[in-house]
Structure formats: structure tokens, C-alpha cells
């Protein structure tokens, strides 16, 4: 009926499966930093009801937004440097120490070594096959990748910190939650 269809293919057992799993563990450590994210409608209801006595319908409106085409809309060229800055502001929080062959310990890879690998996994090694052919994601996050939902959450967290918090502080927004 004219609705666009988008194939979603898992990257499981792909050439990047191992490194995506490793990167996912690093990215997961950024998710708890989002104070606006709720994981259930029950939590949203609790937060909503806690603000009901401050709700003035002449001043505030209740709105709900749904992000359309979230994964392909993520600007990775903007997001990747922000993630890397966050990781390398405290690398021991994100990397587990690794024992090397000579029994020395590597606490974390240098940014100059990690950055190109990180960028390439997220932007270049995004190929998948279907019965119709071989494709590569041209922009945004790859559908079916382990990292894509994490990157979407992290991007929203950065936007919330950058824009939503200041509006809450100015009392222009009474309550903001993301589900």
C-alpha cells in the first residue's frame, strides 16, 4: 500500500560479531547516565503522577513523540567523537584491563588505536546480504547491529543533557521521560 519496507538483518555471526560484542559492553556503561530513560510504563506513570500537583494546563501541554527511522537518522560523524571524548575522559571506567603475552597489563587501548577501529565497525563494516543482493548501510546505524540500540540511547542521552535539562531548569518543561 505504498508503505516503505526496510529489511532488518541481524549482524549475528557476521565478520564484526566479536568486536560488536566488545564495543557493546563498552557502550552499555554509558546507558545508566541517562536520568530521563524509564524502562516501563509503570515507572512513567509514577513519575507523571508525582508532578500532577505542579501541572498547570494553561501553561503546560502533554505531548508524546515517536522518532521515525531512528537508526538511519543518527549522525555518526557527530556522535562518535562525543562517545570517544566520554570514554577517554575516564577510560578505566569503560575498558577492562587486559593481560598481554609478556605478562604486562594494558589498562586501555590508546585513543589513536581505538578510534579508527570503533569508527570503522560502526560506519564501514555494516554490510549484509539478502536474497536480492549485497548491501551496506549508507548512513546512520546499521539495522540488526548489537550496537545500534545502544548508540540510539546514547545519542538521546546527549541530546537530553544538551537541550532538555536546560528547559527543565527554566521550568519550560515540567516532566520529560523517554521510554
C-alpha atoms as a PDB file:
ATOM      1  CA  UNK A   1       0.000   0.000   0.000  1.00  0.00           C
ATOM      2  CA  UNK A   2       2.848   2.380  -0.671  1.00  0.00           C
ATOM      3  CA  UNK A   3       4.407   1.858   2.768  1.00  0.00           C
ATOM      4  CA  UNK A   4       8.199   1.696   2.600  1.00  0.00           C
ATOM      5  CA  UNK A   5       9.652  -1.582   3.741  1.00  0.00           C
ATOM      6  CA  UNK A   6      13.058  -1.920   5.298  1.00  0.00           C
ATOM      7  CA  UNK A   7      14.836  -5.222   5.658  1.00  0.00           C
ATOM      8  CA  UNK A   8      16.234  -5.809   9.128  1.00  0.00           C
ATOM      9  CA  UNK A   9      19.007  -8.361   9.136  1.00  0.00           C
ATOM     10  CA  UNK A  10      20.847  -9.463  12.241  1.00  0.00           C
ATOM     11  CA  UNK A  11      24.599  -8.996  12.259  1.00  0.00           C
ATOM     12  CA  UNK A  12      24.898 -12.152  14.344  1.00  0.00           C
ATOM     13  CA  UNK A  13      27.682 -14.415  13.069  1.00  0.00           C
ATOM     14  CA  UNK A  14      28.936 -11.653  10.781  1.00  0.00           C
ATOM     15  CA  UNK A  15      32.562 -10.627  10.402  1.00  0.00           C
ATOM     16  CA  UNK A  16      32.076  -7.992  13.114  1.00  0.00           C
ATOM     17  CA  UNK A  17      30.199 -10.106  15.683  1.00  0.00           C
ATOM     18  CA  UNK A  18      33.102 -10.362  18.132  1.00  0.00           C
ATOM     19  CA  UNK A  19      34.121  -6.729  18.027  1.00  0.00           C
ATOM     20  CA  UNK A  20      30.494  -5.564  18.141  1.00  0.00           C
ATOM     21  CA  UNK A  21      30.056  -7.565  21.342  1.00  0.00           C
ATOM     22  CA  UNK A  22      33.192  -5.967  22.831  1.00  0.00           C
ATOM     23  CA  UNK A  23      32.117  -2.456  21.773  1.00  0.00           C
ATOM     24  CA  UNK A  24      28.595  -3.115  23.092  1.00  0.00           C
ATOM     25  CA  UNK A  25      29.991  -3.874  26.548  1.00  0.00           C
ATOM     26  CA  UNK A  26      31.807  -0.527  26.478  1.00  0.00           C
ATOM     27  CA  UNK A  27      28.724   1.361  25.271  1.00  0.00           C
ATOM     28  CA  UNK A  28      26.426  -0.256  27.850  1.00  0.00           C
ATOM     29  CA  UNK A  29      28.403   1.527  30.561  1.00  0.00           C
ATOM     30  CA  UNK A  30      27.127   4.871  29.183  1.00  0.00           C
ATOM     31  CA  UNK A  31      23.436   3.958  29.330  1.00  0.00           C
ATOM     32  CA  UNK A  32      22.843   4.370  33.098  1.00  0.00           C
ATOM     33  CA  UNK A  33      23.966   8.002  32.732  1.00  0.00           C
ATOM     34  CA  UNK A  34      20.587   8.862  31.159  1.00  0.00           C
ATOM     35  CA  UNK A  35      18.399  10.035  34.016  1.00  0.00           C
ATOM     36  CA  UNK A  36      15.362  10.527  31.772  1.00  0.00           C
ATOM     37  CA  UNK A  37      15.075   6.977  30.495  1.00  0.00           C
ATOM     38  CA  UNK A  38      12.342   4.810  32.000  1.00  0.00           C
ATOM     39  CA  UNK A  39      12.085   1.104  31.380  1.00  0.00           C
ATOM     40  CA  UNK A  40       8.372   0.619  31.942  1.00  0.00           C
ATOM     41  CA  UNK A  41       5.045   2.356  31.627  1.00  0.00           C
ATOM     42  CA  UNK A  42       4.651   1.866  35.379  1.00  0.00           C
ATOM     43  CA  UNK A  43       7.778   3.988  36.029  1.00  0.00           C
ATOM     44  CA  UNK A  44       6.497   6.656  33.636  1.00  0.00           C
ATOM     45  CA  UNK A  45       3.124   6.710  35.418  1.00  0.00           C
ATOM     46  CA  UNK A  46       4.846   7.066  38.801  1.00  0.00           C
ATOM     47  CA  UNK A  47       6.938   9.995  37.516  1.00  0.00           C
ATOM     48  CA  UNK A  48       3.918  11.583  35.853  1.00  0.00           C
ATOM     49  CA  UNK A  49       1.721  11.353  38.955  1.00  0.00           C
ATOM     50  CA  UNK A  50       4.494  12.773  41.124  1.00  0.00           C
ATOM     51  CA  UNK A  51       4.286  16.025  39.107  1.00  0.00           C
ATOM     52  CA  UNK A  52       0.484  16.287  38.859  1.00  0.00           C
ATOM     53  CA  UNK A  53       0.167  18.936  41.595  1.00  0.00           C
ATOM     54  CA  UNK A  54       2.542  21.226  39.616  1.00  0.00           C
ATOM     55  CA  UNK A  55       0.749  20.695  36.302  1.00  0.00           C
ATOM     56  CA  UNK A  56      -0.988  23.865  35.088  1.00  0.00           C
ATOM     57  CA  UNK A  57      -2.912  23.081  31.864  1.00  0.00           C
ATOM     58  CA  UNK A  58      -2.829  26.770  30.899  1.00  0.00           C
ATOM     59  CA  UNK A  59       0.968  26.666  30.842  1.00  0.00           C
ATOM     60  CA  UNK A  60       1.957  23.031  30.150  1.00  0.00           C
ATOM     61  CA  UNK A  61       0.877  20.595  27.455  1.00  0.00           C
ATOM     62  CA  UNK A  62       1.160  16.820  27.472  1.00  0.00           C
ATOM     63  CA  UNK A  63       2.923  15.640  24.321  1.00  0.00           C
ATOM     64  CA  UNK A  64       4.295  12.356  23.071  1.00  0.00           C
ATOM     65  CA  UNK A  65       6.838  11.931  20.296  1.00  0.00           C
ATOM     66  CA  UNK A  66       7.889   8.911  18.290  1.00  0.00           C
ATOM     67  CA  UNK A  67      11.220   9.058  16.495  1.00  0.00           C
ATOM     68  CA  UNK A  68      10.776   7.911  12.906  1.00  0.00           C
ATOM     69  CA  UNK A  69      13.608   5.938  11.299  1.00  0.00           C
ATOM     70  CA  UNK A  70      15.766   6.377  14.397  1.00  0.00           C
ATOM     71  CA  UNK A  71      18.734   4.177  13.455  1.00  0.00           C
ATOM     72  CA  UNK A  72      19.361   5.553   9.935  1.00  0.00           C
ATOM     73  CA  UNK A  73      18.831   9.113  11.224  1.00  0.00           C
ATOM     74  CA  UNK A  74      21.707   9.019  13.708  1.00  0.00           C
ATOM     75  CA  UNK A  75      24.576  11.223  12.584  1.00  0.00           C
ATOM     76  CA  UNK A  76      27.530   9.011  13.466  1.00  0.00           C
ATOM     77  CA  UNK A  77      30.052  11.659  12.391  1.00  0.00           C
ATOM     78  CA  UNK A  78      28.734  13.847  15.223  1.00  0.00           C
ATOM     79  CA  UNK A  79      28.047  11.072  17.735  1.00  0.00           C
ATOM     80  CA  UNK A  80      31.310   9.101  17.511  1.00  0.00           C
ATOM     81  CA  UNK A  81      33.595  11.961  18.683  1.00  0.00           C
ATOM     82  CA  UNK A  82      31.231  12.656  21.621  1.00  0.00           C
ATOM     83  CA  UNK A  83      31.333   8.994  22.640  1.00  0.00           C
ATOM     84  CA  UNK A  84      35.116   8.859  22.313  1.00  0.00           C
ATOM     85  CA  UNK A  85      35.502  12.042  24.380  1.00  0.00           C
ATOM     86  CA  UNK A  86      33.310  10.491  27.086  1.00  0.00           C
ATOM     87  CA  UNK A  87      35.198   7.177  27.019  1.00  0.00           C
ATOM     88  CA  UNK A  88      38.630   8.803  27.127  1.00  0.00           C
ATOM     89  CA  UNK A  89      37.671  11.250  29.869  1.00  0.00           C
ATOM     90  CA  UNK A  90      37.797   8.188  32.161  1.00  0.00           C
ATOM     91  CA  UNK A  91      38.987   5.162  30.140  1.00  0.00           C
ATOM     92  CA  UNK A  92      39.344   2.835  33.136  1.00  0.00           C
ATOM     93  CA  UNK A  93      35.567   3.063  33.605  1.00  0.00           C
ATOM     94  CA  UNK A  94      34.954   1.706  30.092  1.00  0.00           C
ATOM     95  CA  UNK A  95      37.814  -0.728  29.466  1.00  0.00           C
ATOM     96  CA  UNK A  96      38.724  -3.834  31.431  1.00  0.00           C
ATOM     97  CA  UNK A  97      42.470  -4.354  31.946  1.00  0.00           C
ATOM     98  CA  UNK A  98      43.917  -6.999  29.614  1.00  0.00           C
ATOM     99  CA  UNK A  99      46.900  -9.200  30.364  1.00  0.00           C
ATOM    100  CA  UNK A 100      49.364  -9.198  27.452  1.00  0.00           C
ATOM    101  CA  UNK A 101      51.641 -12.019  26.291  1.00  0.00           C
ATOM    102  CA  UNK A 102      54.605 -10.572  28.192  1.00  0.00           C
ATOM    103  CA  UNK A 103      52.540 -10.591  31.440  1.00  0.00           C
ATOM    104  CA  UNK A 104      52.206  -6.811  31.411  1.00  0.00           C
ATOM    105  CA  UNK A 105      48.782  -5.213  31.806  1.00  0.00           C
ATOM    106  CA  UNK A 106      47.149  -2.931  29.254  1.00  0.00           C
ATOM    107  CA  UNK A 107      44.560  -0.805  31.072  1.00  0.00           C
ATOM    108  CA  UNK A 108      43.047   0.555  27.853  1.00  0.00           C
ATOM    109  CA  UNK A 109      43.944   0.974  24.202  1.00  0.00           C
ATOM    110  CA  UNK A 110      45.270   4.387  23.212  1.00  0.00           C
ATOM    111  CA  UNK A 111      42.627   6.562  21.577  1.00  0.00           C
ATOM    112  CA  UNK A 112      44.683   6.739  18.371  1.00  0.00           C
ATOM    113  CA  UNK A 113      44.440   2.939  18.085  1.00  0.00           C
ATOM    114  CA  UNK A 114      40.837   2.518  19.251  1.00  0.00           C
ATOM    115  CA  UNK A 115      39.202   5.364  17.313  1.00  0.00           C
ATOM    116  CA  UNK A 116      39.667   4.046  13.751  1.00  0.00           C
ATOM    117  CA  UNK A 117      38.505   0.555  14.746  1.00  0.00           C
ATOM    118  CA  UNK A 118      35.481   1.971  16.570  1.00  0.00           C
ATOM    119  CA  UNK A 119      34.586   4.260  13.650  1.00  0.00           C
ATOM    120  CA  UNK A 120      35.015   1.552  11.005  1.00  0.00           C
ATOM    121  CA  UNK A 121      32.904  -1.019  12.865  1.00  0.00           C
ATOM    122  CA  UNK A 122      30.075   1.498  13.192  1.00  0.00           C
ATOM    123  CA  UNK A 123      30.271   3.117   9.758  1.00  0.00           C
ATOM    124  CA  UNK A 124      32.063   0.899   7.264  1.00  0.00           C
ATOM    125  CA  UNK A 125      31.605  -2.757   8.235  1.00  0.00           C
ATOM    126  CA  UNK A 126      27.822  -2.565   8.005  1.00  0.00           C
ATOM    127  CA  UNK A 127      27.222  -4.930   5.112  1.00  0.00           C
ATOM    128  CA  UNK A 128      24.531  -7.578   4.908  1.00  0.00           C
ATOM    129  CA  UNK A 129      23.117  -9.873   2.276  1.00  0.00           C
ATOM    130  CA  UNK A 130      19.567 -10.670   1.321  1.00  0.00           C
ATOM    131  CA  UNK A 131      18.191 -12.900  -1.413  1.00  0.00           C
ATOM    132  CA  UNK A 132      18.220  -9.774  -3.602  1.00  0.00           C
ATOM    133  CA  UNK A 133      21.875  -8.907  -3.150  1.00  0.00           C
ATOM    134  CA  UNK A 134      24.659  -7.481  -1.019  1.00  0.00           C
ATOM    135  CA  UNK A 135      24.123  -4.137   0.724  1.00  0.00           C
ATOM    136  CA  UNK A 136      25.945  -1.745   3.013  1.00  0.00           C
ATOM    137  CA  UNK A 137      24.314   0.771   5.347  1.00  0.00           C
ATOM    138  CA  UNK A 138      24.992   4.207   3.856  1.00  0.00           C
ATOM    139  CA  UNK A 139      24.142   6.399   6.830  1.00  0.00           C
ATOM    140  CA  UNK A 140      23.211   6.095  10.443  1.00  0.00           C
ATOM    141  CA  UNK A 141      23.360   2.925  12.479  1.00  0.00           C
ATOM    142  CA  UNK A 142      23.124  -0.475  10.884  1.00  0.00           C
ATOM    143  CA  UNK A 143      19.811  -2.236  11.333  1.00  0.00           C
ATOM    144  CA  UNK A 144      20.325  -5.509  13.182  1.00  0.00           C
ATOM    145  CA  UNK A 145      23.618  -4.477  14.769  1.00  0.00           C
ATOM    146  CA  UNK A 146      24.122  -5.043  18.504  1.00  0.00           C
ATOM    147  CA  UNK A 147      25.467  -1.519  18.825  1.00  0.00           C
ATOM    148  CA  UNK A 148      22.579   0.359  17.172  1.00  0.00           C
ATOM    149  CA  UNK A 149      20.093   0.376  20.089  1.00  0.00           C
ATOM    150  CA  UNK A 150      22.903   1.406  22.431  1.00  0.00           C
ATOM    151  CA  UNK A 151      24.012   4.208  20.108  1.00  0.00           C
ATOM    152  CA  UNK A 152      20.411   5.442  19.836  1.00  0.00           C
ATOM    153  CA  UNK A 153      20.128   5.556  23.641  1.00  0.00           C
ATOM    154  CA  UNK A 154      23.467   7.317  23.977  1.00  0.00           C
ATOM    155  CA  UNK A 155      22.558   9.862  21.303  1.00  0.00           C
ATOM    156  CA  UNK A 156      19.270  10.604  23.044  1.00  0.00           C
ATOM    157  CA  UNK A 157      21.143  10.954  26.341  1.00  0.00           C
ATOM    158  CA  UNK A 158      23.481  13.541  24.815  1.00  0.00           C
ATOM    159  CA  UNK A 159      20.531  15.462  23.329  1.00  0.00           C
ATOM    160  CA  UNK A 160      18.688  15.370  26.642  1.00  0.00           C
ATOM    161  CA  UNK A 161      21.714  16.659  28.518  1.00  0.00           C
ATOM    162  CA  UNK A 162      22.340  19.362  25.934  1.00  0.00           C
ATOM    163  CA  UNK A 163      18.768  20.612  25.403  1.00  0.00           C
ATOM    164  CA  UNK A 164      16.142  19.123  27.720  1.00  0.00           C
ATOM    165  CA  UNK A 165      17.904  19.744  31.049  1.00  0.00           C
ATOM    166  CA  UNK A 166      18.189  23.488  30.458  1.00  0.00           C
ATOM    167  CA  UNK A 167      14.482  23.698  29.591  1.00  0.00           C
ATOM    168  CA  UNK A 168      13.592  21.788  32.756  1.00  0.00           C
ATOM    169  CA  UNK A 169      15.794  24.165  34.774  1.00  0.00           C
ATOM    170  CA  UNK A 170      13.910  27.121  33.241  1.00  0.00           C
ATOM    171  CA  UNK A 171      10.580  25.435  34.131  1.00  0.00           C
ATOM    172  CA  UNK A 172       9.624  25.294  30.455  1.00  0.00           C
ATOM    173  CA  UNK A 173       9.333  21.511  30.780  1.00  0.00           C
ATOM    174  CA  UNK A 174       7.738  20.056  33.896  1.00  0.00           C
ATOM    175  CA  UNK A 175       8.497  16.387  33.173  1.00  0.00           C
ATOM    176  CA  UNK A 176      10.395  14.611  30.455  1.00  0.00           C
ATOM    177  CA  UNK A 177      10.755  10.839  30.187  1.00  0.00           C
ATOM    178  CA  UNK A 178      11.963   8.600  27.399  1.00  0.00           C
ATOM    179  CA  UNK A 179      10.662   5.065  27.063  1.00  0.00           C
END
